[in-house]
Every structure is written in structure tokens, then in C-alpha cells.
Amino acid sequence: MSKPVSIMPCLDMQNGRVVKGVHFVDIRDAGDPAECAKAYCRAQADELALLDITATIENRPTMLEVVRRVAEVTTVPFTVGGGISNVASAAVVLEAGANKISTSSAAFRKPEIIKEMVVEFGPEKVTVAIDVDVNESLPSGYEVYIDGGRTATGADAIEWAKKVDGFGVSVILPTSKAGDGAQTGYDLPVIRAIADSCSAKIVASGGAGKKEHFYEAVEAGATILLAASVFHFHIIDIPELKTYLQTRGVNLK
């Protein structure tokens, strides 16, 4: 039996509101986080992601009040990322009601915090997010970006994913900078390369525009299908996506 696949709407937050951009810029408003979360729970989402997209850039912690409000209304597990830079900042987010935390820029700058979080909270509560973009001068052809996709690191994305996997995290979340919000499809080579070289669950993120894209991501090795624009703006609704995936033989959570 293939691994069960889950559907994960992503709530990108800025100034306490859900927003959605294209290629990490051109931001537009998509509603109140708690209202969006409640609607997604009713719409059969399997889990949620809540990402405070400017916390790292603004050098501030995650908005805990928003996390608390979302925790009060959600009936599915939710992962919070943005501004989580050490065990202490992760702990307050979990105490505010998040089920899991996600770290990206801080983890890249100081990889030992990944190991510390896995030890402190258990691997199932730790996700490492990796923003990637094409760089053909690197062995895999993909480079790690940090600071919300603003800063190139020169590091090979697949090598970094392998290192992250070695710390024992349960989930790796690669997002294609080129695909983000573009609705042209997930970056399948990235998903495939990380899935083939890591034991963690892989999240497909960045670029879903039609139902076929989700199926392609499953075929490439993703078991968590994350999307934002297509769900926020009702281009695709989750029940119809689940029906479609089941007809293609996908084992859903």
C-alpha cells in the first residue's frame, strides 16, 4: 500500500492577515487567518500550514495571538513557521496551540538548532522548509534561498536536504521560488530528488494550478500536498481534488 497522502492549505500571513503572492512578491489579501482556518477544516483539509512570511525579515517572533486564534478553531493538525529561530521560540509557538513548527532561515544559518528541536520536541513536531531556485552551476541544479526567498546562499538544495534529513526531522518542505503562486505546476525534479535521497515526508509546495499538478507531485514522491492560491480563491476546492486523486488511485489520509 502506498503512503497516505494529505492535503494542506497554506495560510501565508502578513500583518495578521492571510495574503498570497507570486514568486514571493506581488502580495494580495486573502482574509482573516482564523476564518480561513475554520473554512478549511469544514472543507476537509487534512492539515494546515500557517506561515508568518515577514517575521524573519522583520527580525521578530511569530504572531502568537494569531496562532492562538487559529488553534481555537482548527480541528486538524497545523504547522506554524516564520520567526522560529531556536528551541525557546519554537516552544512558545507550540504552547500557543500549534501542533508542529517549521524553521527555514534560522535552521540554515545554524543547523544544530534542528537537532536541538528534534531532541526537545520529538521529530514529528519539526518541519524544515527549504526555499529553492534554479542554479545550474550547482551539482543538483538547485540553490537554497533564505530570508523569505530574498537571499541566495550558494548552497546546493539537495545536499542541504540530505543534511536536514540526517537530523531526523519528520517533514521537509521544499518550495520552488520560480513556481510560487505561478500556478504552472510544482517543481517535480526538486520533489523527486529530495524524495529519492531522504527518509522524511516531502511536502509539494509552490506552483499548483490544476488538479493534475497534485497528482504529478504524488507521482514524484510527495505525500503532503500544499497549496494556497488555488484553494483561497476557489480555483480548486478540496473535496473535488480529493475525489479526483482517488479516481487516479491515490491513497488519501
Protein backbone atom coordinates (compact mmCIF):
# COMPACT_ATOMS: atom_id res chain seq x y z
CA MET A 1 0.00 0.00 0.00
CA SER A 2 1.35 3.41 -0.93
CA LYS A 3 1.82 6.01 1.82
CA PRO A 4 -1.34 8.02 2.56
CA VAL A 5 -1.35 11.49 1.03
CA SER A 6 -2.70 14.56 2.84
CA ILE A 7 -3.97 17.93 1.59
CA MET A 8 -2.52 21.00 3.31
CA PRO A 9 -3.80 24.51 2.57
CA CYS A 10 -1.19 27.14 3.43
CA LEU A 11 -2.05 30.42 5.13
CA ASP A 12 0.73 32.92 4.44
CA MET A 13 0.40 35.75 6.95
CA GLN A 14 1.49 39.36 6.84
CA ASN A 15 0.40 41.96 9.43
CA GLY A 16 -2.07 39.46 10.88
CA ARG A 17 -3.88 38.81 7.57
CA VAL A 18 -3.74 35.89 5.16
CA VAL A 19 -2.06 37.02 1.94
CA LYS A 20 -0.85 35.40 -1.27
CA GLY A 21 1.93 36.48 -3.59
CA VAL A 22 3.56 35.35 -6.81
CA HIS A 23 7.28 34.42 -6.71
CA PHE A 24 7.25 35.65 -3.05
CA VAL A 25 6.17 39.19 -4.09
CA ASP A 26 3.02 40.95 -5.50
CA ILE A 27 1.11 40.28 -2.30
CA ARG A 28 -2.72 40.39 -2.17
CA ASP A 29 -5.12 39.97 0.75
CA ALA A 30 -6.94 36.65 1.19
CA GLY A 31 -8.75 37.06 4.53
CA ASP A 32 -8.62 36.55 8.29
CA PRO A 33 -6.44 33.61 9.42
CA ALA A 34 -8.92 32.14 11.91
CA GLU A 35 -11.83 32.43 9.47
CA CYS A 36 -9.75 30.85 6.70
CA ALA A 37 -8.62 28.04 9.02
CA LYS A 38 -12.18 27.32 10.10
CA ALA A 39 -13.36 27.22 6.49
CA TYR A 40 -10.58 24.83 5.51
CA CYS A 41 -11.41 22.47 8.37
CA ARG A 42 -15.01 22.39 7.13
CA ALA A 43 -13.73 21.79 3.59
CA GLN A 44 -11.94 18.55 4.57
CA ALA A 45 -8.34 19.78 4.76
CA ASP A 46 -6.15 17.14 6.42
CA GLU A 47 -3.77 19.67 7.97
CA LEU A 48 -2.89 23.36 7.73
CA ALA A 49 0.26 25.45 7.44
CA LEU A 50 0.43 28.95 8.93
CA LEU A 51 3.49 30.88 7.77
CA ASP A 52 4.35 34.33 9.11
CA ILE A 53 6.16 35.32 5.93
CA THR A 54 7.81 38.54 7.13
CA ALA A 55 8.77 37.54 10.69
CA THR A 56 12.36 36.64 9.76
CA ILE A 57 12.88 39.76 7.61
CA GLU A 58 11.41 42.00 10.32
CA ASN A 59 13.52 40.19 12.93
CA ARG A 60 10.57 39.47 15.20
CA PRO A 61 8.86 36.37 16.64
CA THR A 62 5.77 34.73 15.17
CA MET A 63 2.45 36.47 15.92
CA LEU A 64 1.33 34.31 18.85
CA GLU A 65 -2.09 35.92 19.11
CA VAL A 66 -2.88 34.72 15.60
CA VAL A 67 -1.61 31.22 16.44
CA ARG A 68 -3.91 31.13 19.49
CA ARG A 69 -6.93 32.28 17.45
CA VAL A 70 -6.27 29.66 14.78
CA ALA A 71 -5.73 26.94 17.42
CA GLU A 72 -9.16 27.68 18.90
CA VAL A 73 -10.99 26.95 15.64
CA THR A 74 -8.96 24.24 13.92
CA THR A 75 -9.88 20.57 14.04
CA VAL A 76 -6.81 19.34 12.13
CA PRO A 77 -3.08 19.49 12.93
CA PHE A 78 -1.41 22.74 11.96
CA THR A 79 2.21 23.68 11.40
CA VAL A 80 3.47 27.20 12.15
CA GLY A 81 6.57 28.76 10.60
CA GLY A 82 8.18 32.19 10.40
CA GLY A 83 10.44 33.72 13.02
CA ILE A 84 11.21 30.41 14.74
CA SER A 85 14.93 30.61 15.39
CA ASN A 86 15.64 28.39 18.41
CA VAL A 87 14.10 25.94 20.89
CA ALA A 88 12.64 28.74 23.02
CA SER A 89 10.80 30.44 20.14
CA ALA A 90 9.53 27.04 18.95
CA ALA A 91 8.29 26.20 22.44
CA VAL A 92 6.13 29.33 22.76
CA VAL A 93 4.52 28.65 19.37
CA LEU A 94 3.69 25.07 20.40
CA GLU A 95 2.37 26.35 23.75
CA ALA A 96 0.15 28.80 21.84
CA GLY A 97 -1.55 25.81 20.21
CA ALA A 98 0.44 24.83 17.12
CA ASN A 99 0.88 21.09 16.60
CA LYS A 100 4.18 21.41 14.71
CA ILE A 101 6.74 24.07 13.92
CA SER A 102 8.61 24.84 10.72
CA THR A 103 12.01 26.50 10.53
CA SER A 104 13.94 27.62 7.47
CA SER A 105 16.40 30.54 7.50
CA ALA A 106 17.47 30.07 11.12
CA ALA A 107 17.98 26.34 10.54
CA PHE A 108 20.21 27.06 7.56
CA ARG A 109 22.29 29.62 9.44
CA LYS A 110 22.65 27.39 12.50
CA PRO A 111 21.93 23.74 11.61
CA GLU A 112 22.46 22.49 15.17
CA ILE A 113 19.10 24.04 16.16
CA ILE A 114 17.38 21.38 14.03
CA LYS A 115 18.92 18.63 16.15
CA GLU A 116 18.08 20.54 19.35
CA MET A 117 14.41 20.86 18.31
CA VAL A 118 14.15 17.19 17.36
CA VAL A 119 15.55 16.20 20.76
CA GLU A 120 13.36 18.69 22.66
CA PHE A 121 10.01 18.17 20.91
CA GLY A 122 10.32 14.89 19.00
CA PRO A 123 10.83 14.50 15.24
CA GLU A 124 7.12 14.52 14.43
CA LYS A 125 6.83 18.16 15.55
CA VAL A 126 9.70 19.52 13.44
CA THR A 127 9.50 20.54 9.77
CA VAL A 128 12.38 22.14 7.91
CA ALA A 129 11.36 24.35 5.00
CA ILE A 130 13.77 24.93 2.11
CA ASP A 131 13.18 27.67 -0.47
CA VAL A 132 14.89 26.74 -3.72
CA ASP A 133 15.58 28.26 -7.11
CA VAL A 134 17.39 27.07 -10.21
CA ASN A 135 21.17 27.49 -10.28
CA GLU A 136 22.76 25.34 -12.94
CA SER A 137 26.27 25.88 -11.57
CA LEU A 138 25.45 23.67 -8.56
CA PRO A 139 25.58 19.84 -8.70
CA SER A 140 21.81 19.36 -8.36
CA GLY A 141 20.94 22.49 -10.35
CA TYR A 142 19.11 23.98 -7.35
CA GLU A 143 20.21 26.55 -4.75
CA VAL A 144 18.96 27.19 -1.22
CA TYR A 145 17.43 30.64 -0.61
CA ILE A 146 16.72 32.13 2.82
CA ASP A 147 15.02 35.23 4.27
CA GLY A 148 11.69 34.52 2.57
CA GLY A 149 13.37 33.75 -0.76
CA ARG A 150 15.33 37.01 -0.80
CA THR A 151 18.87 35.79 -0.10
CA ALA A 152 20.85 33.33 -2.23
CA THR A 153 23.16 31.12 -0.16
CA GLY A 154 25.32 29.38 -2.77
CA ALA A 155 24.40 26.05 -1.12
CA ASP A 156 23.14 23.06 -3.09
CA ALA A 157 19.49 22.44 -2.17
CA ILE A 158 19.58 18.65 -2.42
CA GLU A 159 22.75 18.39 -0.32
CA TRP A 160 21.14 20.63 2.31
CA ALA A 161 18.00 18.46 2.29
CA LYS A 162 20.13 15.36 2.90
CA LYS A 163 21.84 17.07 5.84
CA VAL A 164 18.45 18.09 7.28
CA ASP A 165 17.17 14.53 6.87
CA GLY A 166 20.17 13.29 8.81
CA PHE A 167 18.95 15.26 11.85
CA GLY A 168 15.83 13.07 11.94
CA VAL A 169 13.10 15.60 11.09
CA SER A 170 9.77 14.10 10.05
CA VAL A 171 8.95 16.54 7.23
CA ILE A 172 10.93 18.52 4.65
CA LEU A 173 9.09 21.31 2.85
CA PRO A 174 10.84 22.49 -0.34
CA THR A 175 9.22 25.47 -2.09
CA SER A 176 10.17 26.44 -5.62
CA LYS A 177 10.72 30.20 -5.83
CA ALA A 178 10.01 30.07 -9.57
CA GLY A 179 6.79 28.14 -9.00
CA ASP A 180 5.44 30.11 -6.02
CA GLY A 181 1.95 31.40 -6.83
CA ALA A 182 2.51 30.92 -10.56
CA GLN A 183 0.04 28.01 -10.87
CA THR A 184 2.22 26.38 -13.54
CA GLY A 185 2.88 23.17 -11.63
CA TYR A 186 5.16 22.01 -8.82
CA ASP A 187 8.91 21.73 -9.44
CA LEU A 188 8.86 17.96 -9.90
CA PRO A 189 12.64 17.42 -10.25
CA VAL A 190 13.18 19.01 -6.81
CA ILE A 191 10.48 16.87 -5.19
CA ARG A 192 11.81 13.72 -6.87
CA ALA A 193 15.44 14.41 -5.95
CA ILE A 194 14.65 15.09 -2.28
CA ALA A 195 12.19 12.18 -2.00
CA ASP A 196 14.77 9.82 -3.52
CA SER A 197 17.54 10.86 -1.14
CA CYS A 198 15.67 11.49 2.15
CA SER A 199 13.54 9.41 4.50
CA ALA A 200 11.42 12.37 5.75
CA LYS A 201 7.97 13.02 4.28
CA ILE A 202 8.17 15.54 1.45
CA VAL A 203 5.74 18.44 1.04
CA ALA A 204 4.97 19.59 -2.50
CA SER A 205 4.86 23.40 -2.36
CA GLY A 206 4.90 26.21 -4.90
CA GLY A 207 3.05 26.19 -8.17
CA ALA A 208 -0.18 24.15 -8.02
CA GLY A 209 -2.66 25.45 -10.59
CA LYS A 210 -4.80 22.47 -11.56
CA LYS A 211 -5.74 19.07 -10.19
CA GLU A 212 -3.26 17.24 -12.41
CA HIS A 213 -0.40 19.09 -10.74
CA PHE A 214 -1.24 17.49 -7.40
CA TYR A 215 -1.24 14.02 -8.94
CA GLU A 216 2.13 14.71 -10.61
CA ALA A 217 3.57 15.68 -7.21
CA VAL A 218 2.39 12.38 -5.68
CA GLU A 219 4.00 10.52 -8.57
CA ALA A 220 7.25 12.42 -7.87
CA GLY A 221 7.25 11.30 -4.22
CA ALA A 222 5.37 13.95 -2.21
CA THR A 223 2.97 12.74 0.49
CA ILE A 224 1.78 16.18 1.67
CA LEU A 225 0.26 18.44 -0.98
CA LEU A 226 0.44 22.12 -0.02
CA ALA A 227 -1.26 24.90 -1.95
CA ALA A 228 -2.56 28.39 -1.31
CA SER A 229 -3.88 30.43 -4.25
CA VAL A 230 -5.96 27.67 -5.85
CA PHE A 231 -7.70 26.97 -2.52
CA HIS A 232 -8.02 30.59 -1.28
CA PHE A 233 -9.62 31.80 -4.50
CA HIS A 234 -11.70 28.63 -5.14
CA ILE A 235 -9.96 27.67 -8.37
CA ILE A 236 -9.95 24.15 -6.89
CA ASP A 237 -11.93 23.06 -3.84
CA ILE A 238 -10.54 20.33 -1.58
CA PRO A 239 -13.47 17.84 -1.87
CA GLU A 240 -13.23 17.88 -5.69
CA LEU A 241 -9.44 17.50 -5.50
CA LYS A 242 -9.78 14.51 -3.19
CA THR A 243 -12.33 12.88 -5.49
CA TYR A 244 -10.03 13.41 -8.47
CA LEU A 245 -7.00 11.95 -6.66
CA GLN A 246 -9.00 8.91 -5.52
CA THR A 247 -10.07 8.23 -9.12
CA ARG A 248 -6.34 8.23 -10.00
CA GLY A 249 -5.71 5.60 -7.33
CA VAL A 250 -4.09 7.87 -4.74
CA ASN A 251 -4.34 6.60 -1.16
CA LEU A 252 -5.65 9.61 0.81
CA LYS A 253 -5.25 10.17 4.55
